[in-house]
Amino acid sequence: MPRGYPSLTNEQKREIISRIKEKGERVADLAKEYGINPKNIYGFLSKAGQNSETLLGLARLKREKNALLQIVGQLLVDQRLGKKIQHRYGC
């Protein structure tokens, strides 16, 4: 019976790195999906010659950008439908 975490193929490792780099996916989510420890993914990034801090920062910025675009899109839809925009911060 196998013990520990499953080993990944080189193709899977490249796919994980690519998904972090290009899609901004979170390490924790990918680790859960592949059934591995997040520390392994950080190791892949280091071995691939990627600056993991810069790459992870870029991934975080991509996620934040997508969230902001979604908010702006919803505000535009609300404006076009004539909905009154409520201030959520008590201003």
PDB file of N, CA and C in Angstrom:
ATOM      1  N   MET A   1       0.848  -1.179   0.000  1.00  0.00           N
ATOM      2  CA  MET A   1       0.000   0.000   0.000  1.00  0.00           C
ATOM      3  C   MET A   1       0.889   1.237   0.000  1.00  0.00           C
ATOM      4  N   PRO A   2       0.644   2.174  -0.941  1.00  0.00           N
ATOM      5  CA  PRO A   2       1.485   3.372  -1.006  1.00  0.00           C
ATOM      6  C   PRO A   2       1.277   4.270   0.200  1.00  0.00           C
ATOM      7  N   ARG A   3       2.355   4.910   0.587  1.00  0.00           N
ATOM      8  CA  ARG A   3       2.294   5.847   1.703  1.00  0.00           C
ATOM      9  C   ARG A   3       2.737   7.223   1.234  1.00  0.00           C
ATOM     10  N   GLY A   4       2.339   8.237   1.989  1.00  0.00           N
ATOM     11  CA  GLY A   4       2.771   9.600   1.680  1.00  0.00           C
ATOM     12  C   GLY A   4       1.982  10.209   0.540  1.00  0.00           C
ATOM     13  N   TYR A   5       2.588  11.184  -0.086  1.00  0.00           N
ATOM     14  CA  TYR A   5       1.934  11.905  -1.159  1.00  0.00           C
ATOM     15  C   TYR A   5       2.252  11.249  -2.495  1.00  0.00           C
ATOM     16  N   PRO A   6       1.337  11.354  -3.452  1.00  0.00           N
ATOM     17  CA  PRO A   6       1.610  10.777  -4.773  1.00  0.00           C
ATOM     18  C   PRO A   6       2.691  11.575  -5.487  1.00  0.00           C
ATOM     19  N   SER A   7       3.454  10.884  -6.336  1.00  0.00           N
ATOM     20  CA  SER A   7       4.437  11.640  -7.102  1.00  0.00           C
ATOM     21  C   SER A   7       3.778  12.126  -8.383  1.00  0.00           C
ATOM     22  N   LEU A   8       4.245  13.255  -8.815  1.00  0.00           N
ATOM     23  CA  LEU A   8       3.688  13.868 -10.015  1.00  0.00           C
ATOM     24  C   LEU A   8       4.661  13.692 -11.171  1.00  0.00           C
ATOM     25  N   THR A   9       4.114  13.631 -12.364  1.00  0.00           N
ATOM     26  CA  THR A   9       4.955  13.568 -13.550  1.00  0.00           C
ATOM     27  C   THR A   9       5.512  14.959 -13.823  1.00  0.00           C
ATOM     28  N   ASN A  10       6.516  15.012 -14.667  1.00  0.00           N
ATOM     29  CA  ASN A  10       7.084  16.319 -15.044  1.00  0.00           C
ATOM     30  C   ASN A  10       6.040  17.178 -15.744  1.00  0.00           C
ATOM     31  N   GLU A  11       5.166  16.539 -16.522  1.00  0.00           N
ATOM     32  CA  GLU A  11       4.105  17.271 -17.212  1.00  0.00           C
ATOM     33  C   GLU A  11       3.143  17.908 -16.216  1.00  0.00           C
ATOM     34  N   GLN A  12       2.789  17.183 -15.157  1.00  0.00           N
ATOM     35  CA  GLN A  12       1.907  17.735 -14.126  1.00  0.00           C
ATOM     36  C   GLN A  12       2.570  18.907 -13.410  1.00  0.00           C
ATOM     37  N   LYS A  13       3.870  18.781 -13.142  1.00  0.00           N
ATOM     38  CA  LYS A  13       4.595  19.866 -12.487  1.00  0.00           C
ATOM     39  C   LYS A  13       4.605  21.113 -13.362  1.00  0.00           C
ATOM     40  N   ARG A  14       4.847  20.939 -14.675  1.00  0.00           N
ATOM     41  CA  ARG A  14       4.831  22.070 -15.603  1.00  0.00           C
ATOM     42  C   ARG A  14       3.441  22.695 -15.667  1.00  0.00           C
ATOM     43  N   GLU A  15       2.423  21.850 -15.635  1.00  0.00           N
ATOM     44  CA  GLU A  15       1.048  22.346 -15.677  1.00  0.00           C
ATOM     45  C   GLU A  15       0.735  23.193 -14.441  1.00  0.00           C
ATOM     46  N   ILE A  16       1.172  22.739 -13.280  1.00  0.00           N
ATOM     47  CA  ILE A  16       0.950  23.480 -12.043  1.00  0.00           C
ATOM     48  C   ILE A  16       1.634  24.839 -12.112  1.00  0.00           C
ATOM     49  N   ILE A  17       2.882  24.855 -12.527  1.00  0.00           N
ATOM     50  CA  ILE A  17       3.635  26.112 -12.639  1.00  0.00           C
ATOM     51  C   ILE A  17       2.950  27.039 -13.637  1.00  0.00           C
ATOM     52  N   SER A  18       2.499  26.493 -14.744  1.00  0.00           N
ATOM     53  CA  SER A  18       1.830  27.290 -15.769  1.00  0.00           C
ATOM     54  C   SER A  18       0.527  27.881 -15.246  1.00  0.00           C
ATOM     55  N   ARG A  19      -0.239  27.097 -14.516  1.00  0.00           N
ATOM     56  CA  ARG A  19      -1.512  27.589 -13.984  1.00  0.00           C
ATOM     57  C   ARG A  19      -1.304  28.698 -12.963  1.00  0.00           C
ATOM     58  N   ILE A  20      -0.223  28.618 -12.207  1.00  0.00           N
ATOM     59  CA  ILE A  20       0.085  29.692 -11.256  1.00  0.00           C
ATOM     60  C   ILE A  20       0.510  30.937 -12.019  1.00  0.00           C
ATOM     61  N   LYS A  21       1.381  30.745 -13.002  1.00  0.00           N
ATOM     62  CA  LYS A  21       1.955  31.863 -13.743  1.00  0.00           C
ATOM     63  C   LYS A  21       0.919  32.561 -14.623  1.00  0.00           C
ATOM     64  N   GLU A  22       0.140  31.797 -15.372  1.00  0.00           N
ATOM     65  CA  GLU A  22      -0.728  32.388 -16.377  1.00  0.00           C
ATOM     66  C   GLU A  22      -2.144  32.673 -15.889  1.00  0.00           C
ATOM     67  N   LYS A  23      -2.655  31.835 -15.006  1.00  0.00           N
ATOM     68  CA  LYS A  23      -4.030  32.014 -14.558  1.00  0.00           C
ATOM     69  C   LYS A  23      -4.128  32.603 -13.162  1.00  0.00           C
ATOM     70  N   GLY A  24      -3.002  32.661 -12.460  1.00  0.00           N
ATOM     71  CA  GLY A  24      -3.007  33.242 -11.122  1.00  0.00           C
ATOM     72  C   GLY A  24      -3.657  32.351 -10.078  1.00  0.00           C
ATOM     73  N   GLU A  25      -3.668  31.042 -10.318  1.00  0.00           N
ATOM     74  CA  GLU A  25      -4.317  30.133  -9.373  1.00  0.00           C
ATOM     75  C   GLU A  25      -3.519  30.030  -8.081  1.00  0.00           C
ATOM     76  N   ARG A  26      -4.211  29.738  -6.995  1.00  0.00           N
ATOM     77  CA  ARG A  26      -3.597  29.675  -5.672  1.00  0.00           C
ATOM     78  C   ARG A  26      -2.898  28.340  -5.465  1.00  0.00           C
ATOM     79  N   VAL A  27      -1.759  28.397  -4.793  1.00  0.00           N
ATOM     80  CA  VAL A  27      -0.974  27.191  -4.490  1.00  0.00           C
ATOM     81  C   VAL A  27      -1.801  26.221  -3.666  1.00  0.00           C
ATOM     82  N   ALA A  28      -2.510  26.722  -2.659  1.00  0.00           N
ATOM     83  CA  ALA A  28      -3.300  25.844  -1.783  1.00  0.00           C
ATOM     84  C   ALA A  28      -4.368  25.089  -2.571  1.00  0.00           C
ATOM     85  N   ASP A  29      -5.018  25.773  -3.519  1.00  0.00           N
ATOM     86  CA  ASP A  29      -6.053  25.126  -4.322  1.00  0.00           C
ATOM     87  C   ASP A  29      -5.458  24.038  -5.218  1.00  0.00           C
ATOM     88  N   LEU A  30      -4.325  24.342  -5.835  1.00  0.00           N
ATOM     89  CA  LEU A  30      -3.680  23.352  -6.702  1.00  0.00           C
ATOM     90  C   LEU A  30      -3.163  22.158  -5.901  1.00  0.00           C
ATOM     91  N   ALA A  31      -2.632  22.420  -4.724  1.00  0.00           N
ATOM     92  CA  ALA A  31      -2.134  21.338  -3.874  1.00  0.00           C
ATOM     93  C   ALA A  31      -3.271  20.394  -3.501  1.00  0.00           C
ATOM     94  N   LYS A  32      -4.413  20.965  -3.178  1.00  0.00           N
ATOM     95  CA  LYS A  32      -5.572  20.140  -2.826  1.00  0.00           C
ATOM     96  C   LYS A  32      -6.037  19.331  -4.034  1.00  0.00           C
ATOM     97  N   GLU A  33      -6.084  19.968  -5.194  1.00  0.00           N
ATOM     98  CA  GLU A  33      -6.526  19.301  -6.419  1.00  0.00           C
ATOM     99  C   GLU A  33      -5.637  18.109  -6.769  1.00  0.00           C
ATOM    100  N   TYR A  34      -4.329  18.285  -6.624  1.00  0.00           N
ATOM    101  CA  TYR A  34      -3.387  17.222  -6.984  1.00  0.00           C
ATOM    102  C   TYR A  34      -3.071  16.291  -5.816  1.00  0.00           C
ATOM    103  N   GLY A  35      -3.582  16.596  -4.642  1.00  0.00           N
ATOM    104  CA  GLY A  35      -3.359  15.734  -3.484  1.00  0.00           C
ATOM    105  C   GLY A  35      -1.931  15.763  -2.976  1.00  0.00           C
ATOM    106  N   ILE A  36      -1.315  16.933  -3.031  1.00  0.00           N
ATOM    107  CA  ILE A  36       0.072  17.051  -2.573  1.00  0.00           C
ATOM    108  C   ILE A  36       0.171  18.167  -1.535  1.00  0.00           C
ATOM    109  N   ASN A  37       1.298  18.232  -0.885  1.00  0.00           N
ATOM    110  CA  ASN A  37       1.567  19.266   0.105  1.00  0.00           C
ATOM    111  C   ASN A  37       1.936  20.564  -0.626  1.00  0.00           C
ATOM    112  N   PRO A  38       1.403  21.709  -0.205  1.00  0.00           N
ATOM    113  CA  PRO A  38       1.755  22.976  -0.864  1.00  0.00           C
ATOM    114  C   PRO A  38       3.264  23.245  -0.899  1.00  0.00           C
ATOM    115  N   LYS A  39       3.992  22.741   0.096  1.00  0.00           N
ATOM    116  CA  LYS A  39       5.450  22.939   0.103  1.00  0.00           C
ATOM    117  C   LYS A  39       6.095  22.334  -1.138  1.00  0.00           C
ATOM    118  N   ASN A  40       5.503  21.255  -1.662  1.00  0.00           N
ATOM    119  CA  ASN A  40       6.045  20.639  -2.875  1.00  0.00           C
ATOM    120  C   ASN A  40       5.949  21.593  -4.059  1.00  0.00           C
ATOM    121  N   ILE A  41       4.851  22.315  -4.140  1.00  0.00           N
ATOM    122  CA  ILE A  41       4.680  23.262  -5.243  1.00  0.00           C
ATOM    123  C   ILE A  41       5.705  24.387  -5.146  1.00  0.00           C
ATOM    124  N   TYR A  42       5.946  24.877  -3.932  1.00  0.00           N
ATOM    125  CA  TYR A  42       6.974  25.896  -3.763  1.00  0.00           C
ATOM    126  C   TYR A  42       8.338  25.344  -4.196  1.00  0.00           C
ATOM    127  N   GLY A  43       8.566  24.067  -3.940  1.00  0.00           N
ATOM    128  CA  GLY A  43       9.803  23.419  -4.384  1.00  0.00           C
ATOM    129  C   GLY A  43       9.889  23.362  -5.899  1.00  0.00           C
ATOM    130  N   PHE A  44       8.760  23.045  -6.575  1.00  0.00           N
ATOM    131  CA  PHE A  44       8.747  23.019  -8.047  1.00  0.00           C
ATOM    132  C   PHE A  44       9.125  24.385  -8.591  1.00  0.00           C
ATOM    133  N   LEU A  45       8.563  25.428  -7.980  1.00  0.00           N
ATOM    134  CA  LEU A  45       8.840  26.786  -8.447  1.00  0.00           C
ATOM    135  C   LEU A  45      10.320  27.121  -8.303  1.00  0.00           C
ATOM    136  N   SER A  46      10.904  26.714  -7.195  1.00  0.00           N
ATOM    137  CA  SER A  46      12.334  26.985  -6.964  1.00  0.00           C
ATOM    138  C   SER A  46      13.197  26.234  -7.959  1.00  0.00           C
ATOM    139  N   LYS A  47      12.884  24.964  -8.160  1.00  0.00           N
ATOM    140  CA  LYS A  47      13.683  24.136  -9.072  1.00  0.00           C
ATOM    141  C   LYS A  47      13.524  24.563 -10.524  1.00  0.00           C
ATOM    142  N   ALA A  48      12.376  25.139 -10.855  1.00  0.00           N
ATOM    143  CA  ALA A  48      12.129  25.571 -12.230  1.00  0.00           C
ATOM    144  C   ALA A  48      12.861  26.870 -12.547  1.00  0.00           C
ATOM    145  N   GLY A  49      13.568  27.410 -11.550  1.00  0.00           N
ATOM    146  CA  GLY A  49      14.309  28.642 -11.777  1.00  0.00           C
ATOM    147  C   GLY A  49      13.427  29.865 -11.745  1.00  0.00           C
ATOM    148  N   GLN A  50      12.218  29.722 -11.221  1.00  0.00           N
ATOM    149  CA  GLN A  50      11.302  30.847 -11.119  1.00  0.00           C
ATOM    150  C   GLN A  50      11.534  31.544  -9.783  1.00  0.00           C
ATOM    151  N   ASN A  51      11.419  32.829  -9.778  1.00  0.00           N
ATOM    152  CA  ASN A  51      11.453  33.566  -8.524  1.00  0.00           C
ATOM    153  C   ASN A  51      10.070  33.407  -7.916  1.00  0.00           C
ATOM    154  N   SER A  52       9.944  32.491  -6.953  1.00  0.00           N
ATOM    155  CA  SER A  52       8.629  32.124  -6.447  1.00  0.00           C
ATOM    156  C   SER A  52       7.900  33.298  -5.798  1.00  0.00           C
ATOM    157  N   GLU A  53       8.602  34.175  -5.109  1.00  0.00           N
ATOM    158  CA  GLU A  53       7.938  35.316  -4.476  1.00  0.00           C
ATOM    159  C   GLU A  53       7.331  36.242  -5.524  1.00  0.00           C
ATOM    160  N   THR A  54       8.065  36.516  -6.576  1.00  0.00           N
ATOM    161  CA  THR A  54       7.563  37.379  -7.641  1.00  0.00           C
ATOM    162  C   THR A  54       6.410  36.710  -8.367  1.00  0.00           C
ATOM    163  N   LEU A  55       6.545  35.427  -8.647  1.00  0.00           N
ATOM    164  CA  LEU A  55       5.515  34.689  -9.355  1.00  0.00           C
ATOM    165  C   LEU A  55       4.230  34.614  -8.541  1.00  0.00           C
ATOM    166  N   LEU A  56       4.352  34.362  -7.244  1.00  0.00           N
ATOM    167  CA  LEU A  56       3.171  34.282  -6.384  1.00  0.00           C
ATOM    168  C   LEU A  56       2.532  35.652  -6.205  1.00  0.00           C
ATOM    169  N   GLY A  57       3.348  36.703  -6.142  1.00  0.00           N
ATOM    170  CA  GLY A  57       2.821  38.063  -6.070  1.00  0.00           C
ATOM    171  C   GLY A  57       2.050  38.421  -7.331  1.00  0.00           C
ATOM    172  N   LEU A  58       2.585  38.015  -8.470  1.00  0.00           N
ATOM    173  CA  LEU A  58       1.912  38.260  -9.740  1.00  0.00           C
ATOM    174  C   LEU A  58       0.583  37.506  -9.797  1.00  0.00           C
ATOM    175  N   ALA A  59       0.567  36.275  -9.318  1.00  0.00           N
ATOM    176  CA  ALA A  59      -0.658  35.488  -9.300  1.00  0.00           C
ATOM    177  C   ALA A  59      -1.710  36.154  -8.412  1.00  0.00           C
ATOM    178  N   ARG A  60      -1.288  36.674  -7.263  1.00  0.00           N
ATOM    179  CA  ARG A  60      -2.207  37.364  -6.357  1.00  0.00           C
ATOM    180  C   ARG A  60      -2.781  38.606  -7.031  1.00  0.00           C
ATOM    181  N   LEU A  61      -1.934  39.361  -7.724  1.00  0.00           N
ATOM    182  CA  LEU A  61      -2.396  40.563  -8.418  1.00  0.00           C
ATOM    183  C   LEU A  61      -3.394  40.228  -9.520  1.00  0.00           C
ATOM    184  N   LYS A  62      -3.181  39.126 -10.216  1.00  0.00           N
ATOM    185  CA  LYS A  62      -4.128  38.706 -11.255  1.00  0.00           C
ATOM    186  C   LYS A  62      -5.480  38.379 -10.645  1.00  0.00           C
ATOM    187  N   ARG A  63      -5.480  37.684  -9.497  1.00  0.00           N
ATOM    188  CA  ARG A  63      -6.752  37.362  -8.833  1.00  0.00           C
ATOM    189  C   ARG A  63      -7.461  38.639  -8.391  1.00  0.00           C
ATOM    190  N   GLU A  64      -6.708  39.584  -7.833  1.00  0.00           N
ATOM    191  CA  GLU A  64      -7.302  40.845  -7.387  1.00  0.00           C
ATOM    192  C   GLU A  64      -7.848  41.646  -8.568  1.00  0.00           C
ATOM    193  N   LYS A  65      -7.114  41.656  -9.679  1.00  0.00           N
ATOM    194  CA  LYS A  65      -7.570  42.366 -10.875  1.00  0.00           C
ATOM    195  C   LYS A  65      -8.885  41.776 -11.370  1.00  0.00           C
ATOM    196  N   ASN A  66      -8.972  40.458 -11.416  1.00  0.00           N
ATOM    197  CA  ASN A  66     -10.199  39.814 -11.876  1.00  0.00           C
ATOM    198  C   ASN A  66     -11.371  40.129 -10.951  1.00  0.00           C
ATOM    199  N   ALA A  67     -11.125  40.160  -9.652  1.00  0.00           N
ATOM    200  CA  ALA A  67     -12.185  40.492  -8.697  1.00  0.00           C
ATOM    201  C   ALA A  67     -12.654  41.934  -8.904  1.00  0.00           C
ATOM    202  N   LEU A  68     -11.710  42.848  -9.112  1.00  0.00           N
ATOM    203  CA  LEU A  68     -12.076  44.247  -9.336  1.00  0.00           C
ATOM    204  C   LEU A  68     -12.835  44.433 -10.647  1.00  0.00           C
ATOM    205  N   LEU A  69     -12.423  43.724 -11.686  1.00  0.00           N
ATOM    206  CA  LEU A  69     -13.141  43.811 -12.959  1.00  0.00           C
ATOM    207  C   LEU A  69     -14.571  43.308 -12.812  1.00  0.00           C
ATOM    208  N   GLN A  70     -14.746  42.283 -12.018  1.00  0.00           N
ATOM    209  CA  GLN A  70     -16.074  41.752 -11.778  1.00  0.00           C
ATOM    210  C   GLN A  70     -16.942  42.788 -11.043  1.00  0.00           C
ATOM    211  N   ILE A  71     -16.366  43.458 -10.063  1.00  0.00           N
ATOM    212  CA  ILE A  71     -17.092  44.484  -9.309  1.00  0.00           C
ATOM    213  C   ILE A  71     -17.462  45.650 -10.220  1.00  0.00           C
ATOM    214  N   VAL A  72     -16.512  46.118 -11.015  1.00  0.00           N
ATOM    215  CA  VAL A  72     -16.766  47.228 -11.929  1.00  0.00           C
ATOM    216  C   VAL A  72     -17.838  46.831 -12.946  1.00  0.00           C
ATOM    217  N   GLY A  73     -17.764  45.621 -13.449  1.00  0.00           N
ATOM    218  CA  GLY A  73     -18.775  45.151 -14.398  1.00  0.00           C
ATOM    219  C   GLY A  73     -20.158  45.152 -13.779  1.00  0.00           C
ATOM    220  N   GLN A  74     -20.266  44.696 -12.543  1.00  0.00           N
ATOM    221  CA  GLN A  74     -21.560  44.682 -11.868  1.00  0.00           C
ATOM    222  C   GLN A  74     -22.069  46.099 -11.634  1.00  0.00           C
ATOM    223  N   LEU A  75     -21.177  47.019 -11.281  1.00  0.00           N
ATOM    224  CA  LEU A  75     -21.580  48.416 -11.096  1.00  0.00           C
ATOM    225  C   LEU A  75     -22.105  49.018 -12.399  1.00  0.00           C
ATOM    226  N   LEU A  76     -21.458  48.695 -13.517  1.00  0.00           N
ATOM    227  CA  LEU A  76     -21.921  49.204 -14.813  1.00  0.00           C
ATOM    228  C   LEU A  76     -23.292  48.646 -15.166  1.00  0.00           C
ATOM    229  N   VAL A  77     -23.497  47.372 -14.898  1.00  0.00           N
ATOM    230  CA  VAL A  77     -24.804  46.762 -15.161  1.00  0.00           C
ATOM    231  C   VAL A  77     -25.863  47.427 -14.297  1.00  0.00           C
ATOM    232  N   ASP A  78     -25.563  47.605 -13.016  1.00  0.00           N
ATOM    233  CA  ASP A  78     -26.510  48.257 -12.111  1.00  0.00           C
ATOM    234  C   ASP A  78     -26.833  49.671 -12.578  1.00  0.00           C
ATOM    235  N   GLN A  79     -25.822  50.406 -13.038  1.00  0.00           N
ATOM    236  CA  GLN A  79     -26.019  51.773 -13.503  1.00  0.00           C
ATOM    237  C   GLN A  79     -26.927  51.795 -14.728  1.00  0.00           C
ATOM    238  N   ARG A  80     -26.690  50.875 -15.640  1.00  0.00           N
ATOM    239  CA  ARG A  80     -27.502  50.840 -16.864  1.00  0.00           C
ATOM    240  C   ARG A  80     -28.946  50.444 -16.566  1.00  0.00           C
ATOM    241  N   LEU A  81     -29.137  49.645 -15.526  1.00  0.00           N
ATOM    242  CA  LEU A  81     -30.495  49.250 -15.158  1.00  0.00           C
ATOM    243  C   LEU A  81     -31.164  50.303 -14.280  1.00  0.00           C
ATOM    244  N   GLY A  82     -30.439  51.351 -13.950  1.00  0.00           N
ATOM    245  CA  GLY A  82     -30.984  52.443 -13.179  1.00  0.00           C
ATOM    246  C   GLY A  82     -31.051  52.183 -11.693  1.00  0.00           C
ATOM    247  N   LYS A  83     -30.301  51.221 -11.210  1.00  0.00           N
ATOM    248  CA  LYS A  83     -30.294  50.946  -9.777  1.00  0.00           C
ATOM    249  C   LYS A  83     -29.456  51.994  -9.066  1.00  0.00           C
ATOM    250  N   LYS A  84     -29.924  52.374  -7.894  1.00  0.00           N
ATOM    251  CA  LYS A  84     -29.192  53.338  -7.092  1.00  0.00           C
ATOM    252  C   LYS A  84     -28.025  52.622  -6.427  1.00  0.00           C
ATOM    253  N   ILE A  85     -26.858  53.209  -6.517  1.00  0.00           N
ATOM    254  CA  ILE A  85     -25.663  52.619  -5.914  1.00  0.00           C
ATOM    255  C   ILE A  85     -25.629  53.005  -4.452  1.00  0.00           C
ATOM    256  N   GLN A  86     -25.543  52.000  -3.597  1.00  0.00           N
ATOM    257  CA  GLN A  86     -25.497  52.242  -2.155  1.00  0.00           C
ATOM    258  C   GLN A  86     -24.052  52.260  -1.698  1.00  0.00           C
ATOM    259  N   HIS A  87     -23.741  53.195  -0.828  1.00  0.00           N
ATOM    260  CA  HIS A  87     -22.403  53.239  -0.259  1.00  0.00           C
ATOM    261  C   HIS A  87     -22.333  52.209   0.840  1.00  0.00           C
ATOM    262  N   ARG A  88     -21.334  51.385   0.792  1.00  0.00           N
ATOM    263  CA  ARG A  88     -21.208  50.314   1.781  1.00  0.00           C
ATOM    264  C   ARG A  88     -20.275  50.672   2.920  1.00  0.00           C
ATOM    265  N   TYR A  89     -19.644  51.812   2.834  1.00  0.00           N
ATOM    266  CA  TYR A  89     -18.646  52.171   3.825  1.00  0.00           C
ATOM    267  C   TYR A  89     -19.107  53.309   4.729  1.00  0.00           C
ATOM    268  N   GLY A  90     -20.373  53.663   4.647  1.00  0.00           N
ATOM    269  CA  GLY A  90     -20.915  54.690   5.513  1.00  0.00           C
ATOM    270  C   GLY A  90     -20.430  56.091   5.191  1.00  0.00           C
ATOM    271  N   CYS A  91     -20.003  56.339   3.951  1.00  0.00           N
ATOM    272  CA  CYS A  91     -19.506  57.669   3.555  1.00  0.00           C
ATOM    273  C   CYS A  91     -20.654  58.595   3.247  1.00  0.00           C
TER     274      CYS A  91
END
